[in-house]
Structure formats: structure tokens, C-alpha cells
Amino acid sequence: MADEPKTVIVERSRGSNATPIIAIIALLILAVGGYFLLQSQDNKNDAVSTAASQVGDAAQDVGDAARSATGAE
């Protein structure tokens, strides 16, 4: 028997091509979530401003009614 050369085959596995796609999808989800979070904060601020305005209008109406009742127009 003669010495036969031994051949070693090395197979390198590559990473999945899905990793960048999953990362992009995750970033999109975060961006959409952030957008809706900011919009809900704006809606709350608008609601508070509207309520404060309505309280001011009601106070004006009460003052006008008091002046009318006392005849001090």
C-alpha cells in the first residue's frame, strides 16, 4: 500500500440571508410604534387645551350670568 494523500474538505456555513430582512422589519415596527406614541401624546395635549378653554368659557358665562342677575351690566 502506498501512502495516499489525504484530502480534507472544509465547508463553511454562511449566515442566513434573513438576518438583514428581520433587522429592517424590526426597525420599521419601532418607527411605526414611535410615530403612534407621539401622535397619542399630541392628542392628549390637544384634549387638555380644549378642556381648559371650555372651563374658561364656562367661567365667563357664570360671570355674565352673575352680572345680569345683579343688574350690574
Protein backbone atom coordinates (compact mmCIF):
# COMPACT_ATOMS: atom_id res chain seq x y z
CA MET A 1 0.00 0.00 0.00
CA ALA A 2 1.33 3.30 -0.99
CA ASP A 3 0.79 6.39 1.06
CA GLU A 4 -2.20 8.07 -0.49
CA PRO A 5 -2.62 11.79 0.12
CA LYS A 6 -5.49 12.64 2.37
CA THR A 7 -7.91 15.30 1.21
CA VAL A 8 -9.65 17.48 3.76
CA ILE A 9 -12.74 19.35 2.65
CA VAL A 10 -13.76 22.31 4.78
CA GLU A 11 -17.27 23.63 4.30
CA ARG A 12 -18.02 26.97 5.77
CA SER A 13 -21.61 27.70 6.51
CA ARG A 14 -22.74 31.18 5.72
CA GLY A 15 -25.21 33.12 7.78
CA SER A 16 -28.80 33.25 6.75
CA ASN A 17 -29.87 35.95 4.32
CA ALA A 18 -32.92 36.54 6.52
CA THR A 19 -30.97 38.46 9.19
CA PRO A 20 -30.90 41.83 7.37
CA ILE A 21 -34.55 41.45 6.42
CA ILE A 22 -35.53 40.75 10.03
CA ALA A 23 -33.50 43.77 11.19
CA ILE A 24 -35.24 46.05 8.67
CA ILE A 25 -38.67 44.78 9.71
CA ALA A 26 -37.81 45.35 13.39
CA LEU A 27 -36.71 48.93 12.64
CA LEU A 28 -39.92 49.60 10.72
CA ILE A 29 -42.01 48.29 13.61
CA LEU A 30 -40.13 50.54 16.04
CA ALA A 31 -40.58 53.56 13.76
CA VAL A 32 -44.32 52.99 13.38
CA GLY A 33 -44.71 52.44 17.13
CA GLY A 34 -42.82 55.65 17.87
CA TYR A 35 -44.97 57.59 15.43
CA PHE A 36 -48.21 56.41 17.06
CA LEU A 37 -46.83 57.12 20.53
CA LEU A 38 -46.02 60.71 19.54
CA GLN A 39 -49.44 61.14 17.94
CA SER A 40 -51.20 59.95 21.09
CA GLN A 41 -49.21 62.48 23.15
CA ASP A 42 -50.28 65.27 20.78
CA ASN A 43 -53.92 64.16 21.08
CA LYS A 44 -53.68 64.28 24.89
CA ASN A 45 -52.19 67.77 24.76
CA ASP A 46 -54.98 68.92 22.44
CA ALA A 47 -57.60 67.45 24.76
CA VAL A 48 -56.16 69.26 27.77
CA SER A 49 -56.04 72.55 25.87
CA THR A 50 -59.64 72.13 24.73
CA ALA A 51 -60.82 71.31 28.26
CA ALA A 52 -59.04 74.34 29.68
CA SER A 53 -60.62 76.56 27.04
CA GLN A 54 -64.07 75.17 27.84
CA VAL A 55 -63.56 75.80 31.56
CA GLY A 56 -62.58 79.38 30.77
CA ASP A 57 -65.69 79.82 28.60
CA ALA A 58 -67.89 78.39 31.35
CA ALA A 59 -66.36 80.76 33.91
CA GLN A 60 -67.07 83.69 31.57
CA ASP A 61 -70.69 82.53 31.21
CA VAL A 62 -71.06 82.31 35.01
CA GLY A 63 -69.64 85.80 35.38
CA ASP A 64 -72.01 87.16 32.75
CA ALA A 65 -74.97 85.47 34.45
CA ALA A 66 -73.96 86.93 37.83
CA ARG A 67 -73.72 90.43 36.34
CA SER A 68 -77.13 90.00 34.71
CA ALA A 69 -78.67 88.78 37.97
CA THR A 70 -77.36 91.74 39.96
CA GLY A 71 -78.21 94.20 37.25
CA ALA A 72 -74.60 95.41 37.01
CA GLU A 73 -74.25 95.24 33.27
